[in-house]
PDB file of N, CA and C in Angstrom:
ATOM      1  N   MET A   1      89.794 125.558 102.847  1.00  0.00           N
ATOM      2  CA  MET A   1      90.033 124.242 102.866  1.00  0.00           C
ATOM      3  C   MET A   1      90.119 123.699 101.771  1.00  0.00           C
ATOM      4  N   LYS A   2      89.189 124.086 100.642  1.00  0.00           N
ATOM      5  CA  LYS A   2      89.346 123.650  99.270  1.00  0.00           C
ATOM      6  C   LYS A   2      90.759 123.838  98.614  1.00  0.00           C
ATOM      7  N   ILE A   3      91.218 125.121  98.877  1.00  0.00           N
ATOM      8  CA  ILE A   3      92.574 125.606  98.332  1.00  0.00           C
ATOM      9  C   ILE A   3      93.620 124.512  98.725  1.00  0.00           C
ATOM     10  N   ILE A   4      93.551 124.141 100.058  1.00  0.00           N
ATOM     11  CA  ILE A   4      94.689 123.252 100.405  1.00  0.00           C
ATOM     12  C   ILE A   4      94.516 121.853  99.543  1.00  0.00           C
ATOM     13  N   LYS A   5      93.311 121.396  99.340  1.00  0.00           N
ATOM     14  CA  LYS A   5      93.031 120.181  98.752  1.00  0.00           C
ATOM     15  C   LYS A   5      93.478 120.461  97.376  1.00  0.00           C
ATOM     16  N   LYS A   6      93.284 121.428  96.673  1.00  0.00           N
ATOM     17  CA  LYS A   6      93.733 121.708  95.224  1.00  0.00           C
ATOM     18  C   LYS A   6      95.306 121.695  95.194  1.00  0.00           C
ATOM     19  N   ILE A   7      95.832 122.456  96.202  1.00  0.00           N
ATOM     20  CA  ILE A   7      97.327 122.230  96.293  1.00  0.00           C
ATOM     21  C   ILE A   7      98.044 121.060  96.470  1.00  0.00           C
ATOM     22  N   LEU A   8      97.314 120.171  97.477  1.00  0.00           N
ATOM     23  CA  LEU A   8      97.813 118.969  97.596  1.00  0.00           C
ATOM     24  C   LEU A   8      97.614 117.805  96.512  1.00  0.00           C
ATOM     25  N   LYS A   9      96.493 118.245  95.780  1.00  0.00           N
ATOM     26  CA  LYS A   9      96.055 117.312  94.563  1.00  0.00           C
ATOM     27  C   LYS A   9      97.290 117.835  93.349  1.00  0.00           C
ATOM     28  N   SER A  10      97.499 118.977  93.245  1.00  0.00           N
ATOM     29  CA  SER A  10      98.446 119.286  92.295  1.00  0.00           C
ATOM     30  C   SER A  10     100.007 118.695  92.730  1.00  0.00           C
ATOM     31  N   PHE A  11     100.349 118.625  93.833  1.00  0.00           N
ATOM     32  CA  PHE A  11     101.463 118.020  94.182  1.00  0.00           C
ATOM     33  C   PHE A  11     101.485 116.525  93.769  1.00  0.00           C
ATOM     34  N   LEU A  12     100.249 115.799  94.109  1.00  0.00           N
ATOM     35  CA  LEU A  12     100.209 114.282  93.932  1.00  0.00           C
ATOM     36  C   LEU A  12     100.349 114.146  92.465  1.00  0.00           C
ATOM     37  N   ASN A  13      99.729 114.948  91.714  1.00  0.00           N
ATOM     38  CA  ASN A  13      99.764 114.849  90.277  1.00  0.00           C
ATOM     39  C   ASN A  13     101.277 115.229  89.596  1.00  0.00           C
ATOM     40  N   PHE A  14     101.910 116.107  90.256  1.00  0.00           N
ATOM     41  CA  PHE A  14     103.334 116.462  89.862  1.00  0.00           C
ATOM     42  C   PHE A  14     104.015 115.335  90.134  1.00  0.00           C
ATOM     43  N   PHE A  15     103.994 114.599  91.376  1.00  0.00           N
ATOM     44  CA  PHE A  15     104.717 113.283  91.719  1.00  0.00           C
ATOM     45  C   PHE A  15     104.334 112.195  90.718  1.00  0.00           C
ATOM     46  N   LEU A  16     103.174 112.042  90.405  1.00  0.00           N
ATOM     47  CA  LEU A  16     102.807 111.067  89.479  1.00  0.00           C
ATOM     48  C   LEU A  16     103.250 111.097  88.249  1.00  0.00           C
ATOM     49  N   LEU A  17     103.400 112.549  87.686  1.00  0.00           N
ATOM     50  CA  LEU A  17     103.911 112.818  86.215  1.00  0.00           C
ATOM     51  C   LEU A  17     105.363 112.646  86.417  1.00  0.00           C
ATOM     52  N   SER A  18     105.994 112.966  87.402  1.00  0.00           N
ATOM     53  CA  SER A  18     107.449 112.771  87.442  1.00  0.00           C
ATOM     54  C   SER A  18     107.814 111.212  87.504  1.00  0.00           C
ATOM     55  N   ALA A  19     106.865 110.451  88.201  1.00  0.00           N
ATOM     56  CA  ALA A  19     107.178 108.989  88.171  1.00  0.00           C
ATOM     57  C   ALA A  19     106.951 108.251  86.732  1.00  0.00           C
ATOM     58  N   LEU A  20     105.975 108.948  86.156  1.00  0.00           N
ATOM     59  CA  LEU A  20     105.655 108.336  84.746  1.00  0.00           C
ATOM     60  C   LEU A  20     106.895 108.561  83.788  1.00  0.00           C
ATOM     61  N   VAL A  21     107.570 109.782  83.990  1.00  0.00           N
ATOM     62  CA  VAL A  21     108.641 110.294  83.234  1.00  0.00           C
ATOM     63  C   VAL A  21     109.745 109.387  83.491  1.00  0.00           C
ATOM     64  N   HIS A  22     110.205 109.201  84.880  1.00  0.00           N
ATOM     65  CA  HIS A  22     111.117 108.342  85.276  1.00  0.00           C
ATOM     66  C   HIS A  22     110.960 106.984  84.812  1.00  0.00           C
ATOM     67  N   ILE A  23     109.940 106.275  84.899  1.00  0.00           N
ATOM     68  CA  ILE A  23     109.566 104.934  84.453  1.00  0.00           C
ATOM     69  C   ILE A  23     109.889 104.982  82.895  1.00  0.00           C
ATOM     70  N   GLY A  24     109.420 105.970  82.104  1.00  0.00           N
ATOM     71  CA  GLY A  24     109.716 105.974  80.615  1.00  0.00           C
ATOM     72  C   GLY A  24     111.188 106.205  80.245  1.00  0.00           C
ATOM     73  N   VAL A  25     111.749 106.851  81.279  1.00  0.00           N
ATOM     74  CA  VAL A  25     113.310 106.904  80.794  1.00  0.00           C
ATOM     75  C   VAL A  25     114.044 105.730  81.228  1.00  0.00           C
ATOM     76  N   LEU A  26     113.418 104.833  82.125  1.00  0.00           N
ATOM     77  CA  LEU A  26     114.001 103.566  82.633  1.00  0.00           C
ATOM     78  C   LEU A  26     113.738 102.554  81.497  1.00  0.00           C
ATOM     79  N   ILE A  27     112.605 102.637  80.844  1.00  0.00           N
ATOM     80  CA  ILE A  27     112.266 101.813  79.890  1.00  0.00           C
ATOM     81  C   ILE A  27     113.138 101.994  78.499  1.00  0.00           C
ATOM     82  N   ILE A  28     113.321 103.134  78.029  1.00  0.00           N
ATOM     83  CA  ILE A  28     114.105 104.000  77.235  1.00  0.00           C
ATOM     84  C   ILE A  28     115.633 103.056  77.436  1.00  0.00           C
ATOM     85  N   SER A  29     116.197 103.172  78.639  1.00  0.00           N
ATOM     86  CA  SER A  29     117.453 103.014  78.858  1.00  0.00           C
ATOM     87  C   SER A  29     117.631 101.420  78.800  1.00  0.00           C
ATOM     88  N   THR A  30     116.568 100.642  79.178  1.00  0.00           N
ATOM     89  CA  THR A  30     116.478  99.198  79.132  1.00  0.00           C
ATOM     90  C   THR A  30     116.751  98.849  77.694  1.00  0.00           C
ATOM     91  N   ILE A  31     115.879  99.519  76.679  1.00  0.00           N
ATOM     92  CA  ILE A  31     115.955  99.224  75.379  1.00  0.00           C
ATOM     93  C   ILE A  31     117.018  99.641  74.772  1.00  0.00           C
ATOM     94  N   LYS A  32     117.703 100.784  75.235  1.00  0.00           N
ATOM     95  CA  LYS A  32     118.700 101.163  74.515  1.00  0.00           C
ATOM     96  C   LYS A  32     119.969 100.433  74.688  1.00  0.00           C
ATOM     97  N   ASN A  33     120.271  99.914  75.882  1.00  0.00           N
ATOM     98  CA  ASN A  33     121.286  99.255  76.513  1.00  0.00           C
ATOM     99  C   ASN A  33     121.136  97.777  76.701  1.00  0.00           C
ATOM    100  N   GLY A  34     119.854  97.194  76.447  1.00  0.00           N
ATOM    101  CA  GLY A  34     119.477  95.880  76.246  1.00  0.00           C
ATOM    102  C   GLY A  34     119.623  95.120  77.702  1.00  0.00           C
ATOM    103  N   ASP A  35     119.671  95.948  78.939  1.00  0.00           N
ATOM    104  CA  ASP A  35     119.862  95.375  80.386  1.00  0.00           C
ATOM    105  C   ASP A  35     118.476  95.622  80.878  1.00  0.00           C
ATOM    106  N   ILE A  36     117.848  94.509  81.316  1.00  0.00           N
ATOM    107  CA  ILE A  36     116.590  94.609  82.099  1.00  0.00           C
ATOM    108  C   ILE A  36     116.688  95.062  83.459  1.00  0.00           C
ATOM    109  N   LYS A  37     117.995  95.104  83.895  1.00  0.00           N
ATOM    110  CA  LYS A  37     118.253  95.458  85.514  1.00  0.00           C
ATOM    111  C   LYS A  37     117.952  97.045  85.700  1.00  0.00           C
ATOM    112  N   TYR A  38     117.721  97.787  84.488  1.00  0.00           N
ATOM    113  CA  TYR A  38     116.952  99.176  84.979  1.00  0.00           C
ATOM    114  C   TYR A  38     115.776  99.048  85.301  1.00  0.00           C
ATOM    115  N   LEU A  39     115.036  98.124  84.924  1.00  0.00           N
ATOM    116  CA  LEU A  39     113.694  97.996  85.507  1.00  0.00           C
ATOM    117  C   LEU A  39     113.329  97.057  86.766  1.00  0.00           C
ATOM    118  N   ASN A  40     114.427  96.737  87.411  1.00  0.00           N
ATOM    119  CA  ASN A  40     114.570  96.093  88.745  1.00  0.00           C
ATOM    120  C   ASN A  40     113.866  97.072  89.636  1.00  0.00           C
ATOM    121  N   TYR A  41     112.752  96.715  90.409  1.00  0.00           N
ATOM    122  CA  TYR A  41     112.107  97.511  91.378  1.00  0.00           C
ATOM    123  C   TYR A  41     112.971  97.971  92.611  1.00  0.00           C
ATOM    124  N   PHE A  42     113.904  97.162  93.035  1.00  0.00           N
ATOM    125  CA  PHE A  42     114.926  97.472  94.073  1.00  0.00           C
ATOM    126  C   PHE A  42     115.922  98.698  93.777  1.00  0.00           C
ATOM    127  N   ARG A  43     116.009  98.641  92.467  1.00  0.00           N
ATOM    128  CA  ARG A  43     116.937  99.435  91.910  1.00  0.00           C
ATOM    129  C   ARG A  43     116.051 100.909  91.500  1.00  0.00           C
ATOM    130  N   ILE A  44     114.938 100.824  91.165  1.00  0.00           N
ATOM    131  CA  ILE A  44     114.137 101.991  90.907  1.00  0.00           C
ATOM    132  C   ILE A  44     113.985 102.768  92.246  1.00  0.00           C
ATOM    133  N   ILE A  45     113.693 102.326  93.375  1.00  0.00           N
ATOM    134  CA  ILE A  45     113.289 102.701  94.459  1.00  0.00           C
ATOM    135  C   ILE A  45     114.739 102.998  95.400  1.00  0.00           C
ATOM    136  N   GLY A  46     115.805 102.932  94.800  1.00  0.00           N
ATOM    137  CA  GLY A  46     116.903 103.098  95.350  1.00  0.00           C
ATOM    138  C   GLY A  46     117.291 102.139  96.378  1.00  0.00           C
ATOM    139  N   LEU A  47     117.148 101.023  96.534  1.00  0.00           N
ATOM    140  CA  LEU A  47     117.664 100.218  97.661  1.00  0.00           C
ATOM    141  C   LEU A  47     119.096  99.897  97.345  1.00  0.00           C
ATOM    142  N   GLU A  48     119.528  99.951  96.387  1.00  0.00           N
ATOM    143  CA  GLU A  48     121.113  99.694  96.076  1.00  0.00           C
ATOM    144  C   GLU A  48     121.929 100.675  96.990  1.00  0.00           C
ATOM    145  N   GLU A  49     121.449 101.816  97.532  1.00  0.00           N
ATOM    146  CA  GLU A  49     122.144 102.806  98.170  1.00  0.00           C
ATOM    147  C   GLU A  49     122.567 101.875  99.354  1.00  0.00           C
ATOM    148  N   PHE A  50     121.466 101.226 100.080  1.00  0.00           N
ATOM    149  CA  PHE A  50     121.742 100.550 101.168  1.00  0.00           C
ATOM    150  C   PHE A  50     122.195  99.113 101.106  1.00  0.00           C
ATOM    151  N   TRP A  51     121.725  98.374 100.185  1.00  0.00           N
ATOM    152  CA  TRP A  51     122.368  96.881  99.833  1.00  0.00           C
ATOM    153  C   TRP A  51     122.937  97.109  98.491  1.00  0.00           C
ATOM    154  N   PRO A  52     124.024  97.252  98.118  1.00  0.00           N
ATOM    155  CA  PRO A  52     124.770  97.530  96.702  1.00  0.00           C
ATOM    156  C   PRO A  52     124.456  96.554  95.791  1.00  0.00           C
ATOM    157  N   ARG A  53     124.243  95.179  96.298  1.00  0.00           N
ATOM    158  CA  ARG A  53     124.210  94.056  95.525  1.00  0.00           C
ATOM    159  C   ARG A  53     122.807  93.430  95.236  1.00  0.00           C
ATOM    160  N   ILE A  54     121.709  94.261  95.773  1.00  0.00           N
ATOM    161  CA  ILE A  54     120.669  93.672  95.910  1.00  0.00           C
ATOM    162  C   ILE A  54     119.970  93.495  94.638  1.00  0.00           C
ATOM    163  N   SER A  55     120.358  94.000  93.438  1.00  0.00           N
ATOM    164  CA  SER A  55     119.442  93.906  92.183  1.00  0.00           C
ATOM    165  C   SER A  55     120.595  93.114  91.129  1.00  0.00           C
ATOM    166  N   ASN A  56     121.624  92.405  91.514  1.00  0.00           N
ATOM    167  CA  ASN A  56     122.560  91.865  90.597  1.00  0.00           C
ATOM    168  C   ASN A  56     122.199  90.300  90.371  1.00  0.00           C
ATOM    169  N   THR A  57     121.193  89.670  90.999  1.00  0.00           N
ATOM    170  CA  THR A  57     120.980  88.305  90.549  1.00  0.00           C
ATOM    171  C   THR A  57     119.632  88.166  89.994  1.00  0.00           C
ATOM    172  N   SER A  58     119.714  86.816  89.360  1.00  0.00           N
ATOM    173  CA  SER A  58     118.332  86.658  88.808  1.00  0.00           C
ATOM    174  C   SER A  58     117.286  86.491  89.652  1.00  0.00           C
ATOM    175  N   LEU A  59     117.379  85.930  91.012  1.00  0.00           N
ATOM    176  CA  LEU A  59     116.473  85.838  91.918  1.00  0.00           C
ATOM    177  C   LEU A  59     115.863  87.086  92.376  1.00  0.00           C
ATOM    178  N   SER A  60     116.834  88.258  92.196  1.00  0.00           N
ATOM    179  CA  SER A  60     116.381  89.531  92.718  1.00  0.00           C
ATOM    180  C   SER A  60     115.457  90.069  91.697  1.00  0.00           C
ATOM    181  N   ASP A  61     115.726  89.707  90.553  1.00  0.00           N
ATOM    182  CA  ASP A  61     114.731  90.071  89.228  1.00  0.00           C
ATOM    183  C   ASP A  61     113.607  89.510  89.301  1.00  0.00           C
ATOM    184  N   PHE A  62     113.252  88.335  89.877  1.00  0.00           N
ATOM    185  CA  PHE A  62     112.144  87.420  89.912  1.00  0.00           C
ATOM    186  C   PHE A  62     111.327  88.132  91.153  1.00  0.00           C
ATOM    187  N   ILE A  63     111.999  88.290  92.143  1.00  0.00           N
ATOM    188  CA  ILE A  63     111.353  88.871  93.449  1.00  0.00           C
ATOM    189  C   ILE A  63     110.906  90.373  93.185  1.00  0.00           C
ATOM    190  N   SER A  64     111.694  91.186  92.228  1.00  0.00           N
ATOM    191  CA  SER A  64     111.321  92.537  92.026  1.00  0.00           C
ATOM    192  C   SER A  64     110.082  92.467  91.111  1.00  0.00           C
ATOM    193  N   LEU A  65     109.872  91.516  90.254  1.00  0.00           N
ATOM    194  CA  LEU A  65     108.852  91.401  89.348  1.00  0.00           C
ATOM    195  C   LEU A  65     107.544  91.082  90.271  1.00  0.00           C
ATOM    196  N   SER A  66     107.684  90.093  91.189  1.00  0.00           N
ATOM    197  CA  SER A  66     106.636  89.632  91.880  1.00  0.00           C
ATOM    198  C   SER A  66     106.228  90.641  92.880  1.00  0.00           C
ATOM    199  N   ILE A  67     107.042  91.586  93.468  1.00  0.00           N
ATOM    200  CA  ILE A  67     106.502  92.519  94.199  1.00  0.00           C
ATOM    201  C   ILE A  67     105.787  93.694  93.290  1.00  0.00           C
ATOM    202  N   MET A  68     106.247  94.003  92.330  1.00  0.00           N
ATOM    203  CA  MET A  68     105.611  94.996  91.241  1.00  0.00           C
ATOM    204  C   MET A  68     104.327  94.540  91.014  1.00  0.00           C
ATOM    205  N   VAL A  69     104.185  93.090  90.566  1.00  0.00           N
ATOM    206  CA  VAL A  69     102.768  92.676  90.254  1.00  0.00           C
ATOM    207  C   VAL A  69     101.808  92.598  91.443  1.00  0.00           C
ATOM    208  N   ILE A  70     102.407  92.280  92.880  1.00  0.00           N
ATOM    209  CA  ILE A  70     101.666  92.391  93.944  1.00  0.00           C
ATOM    210  C   ILE A  70     101.135  93.642  94.233  1.00  0.00           C
ATOM    211  N   ILE A  71     101.760  94.794  93.928  1.00  0.00           N
ATOM    212  CA  ILE A  71     101.514  96.194  94.175  1.00  0.00           C
ATOM    213  C   ILE A  71     100.334  96.545  93.155  1.00  0.00           C
ATOM    214  N   VAL A  72     100.763  96.138  91.976  1.00  0.00           N
ATOM    215  CA  VAL A  72      99.643  96.546  90.953  1.00  0.00           C
ATOM    216  C   VAL A  72      98.420  95.734  91.266  1.00  0.00           C
ATOM    217  N   LEU A  73      98.256  94.418  91.629  1.00  0.00           N
ATOM    218  CA  LEU A  73      97.153  93.808  91.969  1.00  0.00           C
ATOM    219  C   LEU A  73      96.397  94.247  93.291  1.00  0.00           C
ATOM    220  N   GLY A  74      97.221  94.759  94.103  1.00  0.00           N
ATOM    221  CA  GLY A  74      96.761  95.399  95.458  1.00  0.00           C
ATOM    222  C   GLY A  74      95.961  96.733  94.913  1.00  0.00           C
ATOM    223  N   PHE A  75      96.360  97.416  93.926  1.00  0.00           N
ATOM    224  CA  PHE A  75      95.861  98.734  93.772  1.00  0.00           C
ATOM    225  C   PHE A  75      94.687  98.428  92.986  1.00  0.00           C
ATOM    226  N   LEU A  76      94.736  97.489  91.912  1.00  0.00           N
ATOM    227  CA  LEU A  76      93.399  97.142  91.490  1.00  0.00           C
ATOM    228  C   LEU A  76      92.184  96.512  92.044  1.00  0.00           C
ATOM    229  N   VAL A  77      92.754  95.551  93.095  1.00  0.00           N
ATOM    230  CA  VAL A  77      91.655  95.181  94.235  1.00  0.00           C
ATOM    231  C   VAL A  77      91.101  96.452  94.911  1.00  0.00           C
ATOM    232  N   ILE A  78      91.636  97.267  95.210  1.00  0.00           N
ATOM    233  CA  ILE A  78      91.304  98.487  95.893  1.00  0.00           C
ATOM    234  C   ILE A  78      90.472  99.134  95.034  1.00  0.00           C
ATOM    235  N   SER A  79      90.837  99.411  93.796  1.00  0.00           N
ATOM    236  CA  SER A  79      90.040 100.096  92.970  1.00  0.00           C
ATOM    237  C   SER A  79      88.577  99.625  92.566  1.00  0.00           C
ATOM    238  N   LEU A  80      88.876  98.230  92.518  1.00  0.00           N
ATOM    239  CA  LEU A  80      87.616  97.421  92.022  1.00  0.00           C
ATOM    240  C   LEU A  80      86.568  97.274  93.189  1.00  0.00           C
ATOM    241  N   ARG A  81      87.238  97.126  94.433  1.00  0.00           N
ATOM    242  CA  ARG A  81      86.361  97.163  95.645  1.00  0.00           C
ATOM    243  C   ARG A  81      85.538  98.463  95.770  1.00  0.00           C
ATOM    244  N   LYS A  82      86.237  99.615  95.494  1.00  0.00           N
ATOM    245  CA  LYS A  82      85.440 100.936  95.626  1.00  0.00           C
ATOM    246  C   LYS A  82      84.296 100.952  94.526  1.00  0.00           C
ATOM    247  N   LYS A  83      84.513 100.400  93.449  1.00  0.00           N
ATOM    248  CA  LYS A  83      83.442 100.495  92.284  1.00  0.00           C
ATOM    249  C   LYS A  83      82.418  99.479  92.629  1.00  0.00           C
ATOM    250  N   ILE A  84      82.702  98.363  93.184  1.00  0.00           N
ATOM    251  CA  ILE A  84      81.681  97.249  93.769  1.00  0.00           C
ATOM    252  C   ILE A  84      80.871  97.846  94.620  1.00  0.00           C
ATOM    253  N   GLU A  85      81.449  98.591  95.668  1.00  0.00           N
ATOM    254  CA  GLU A  85      80.602  99.394  96.850  1.00  0.00           C
ATOM    255  C   GLU A  85      79.815 100.429  96.242  1.00  0.00           C
ATOM    256  N   ARG A  86      80.211 101.089  95.122  1.00  0.00           N
ATOM    257  CA  ARG A  86      79.215 102.065  94.826  1.00  0.00           C
ATOM    258  C   ARG A  86      78.084 101.344  93.977  1.00  0.00           C
ATOM    259  N   LEU A  87      78.170 100.143  93.448  1.00  0.00           N
ATOM    260  CA  LEU A  87      77.030  99.811  92.776  1.00  0.00           C
ATOM    261  C   LEU A  87      76.082  99.119  93.759  1.00  0.00           C
ATOM    262  N   VAL A  88      76.606  98.755  94.827  1.00  0.00           N
ATOM    263  CA  VAL A  88      75.771  98.150  95.964  1.00  0.00           C
ATOM    264  C   VAL A  88      74.969  98.946  96.714  1.00  0.00           C
TER     265      VAL A  88
END
C-alpha cells in the first residue's frame, strides 16, 4: 500500500511541476508579447475551446482574476485551518 501512495504522490508532484512550468511560460509570454490575456484563467484552463470569446473582454479579465484570488484564498483558509487544528 505504501508503494501505491508513493507512486500517486510522484504523479501529483509531476503535475504540480508541469503546472508551474506552464505558468512560467505564460508569464514569459505575457512579458514578451505585452498581452495580459495569456494569464486569463479561462484561457489557461482551456475554456476557449468551448466558448471561443470567453477571454476577450475586460470583464472576463476581472472575473478571471477574481476566480483566481478566490481559489488561492480557499487553499489558504484550508491550510491555515489545518495548522490551527494542530495547535489546539
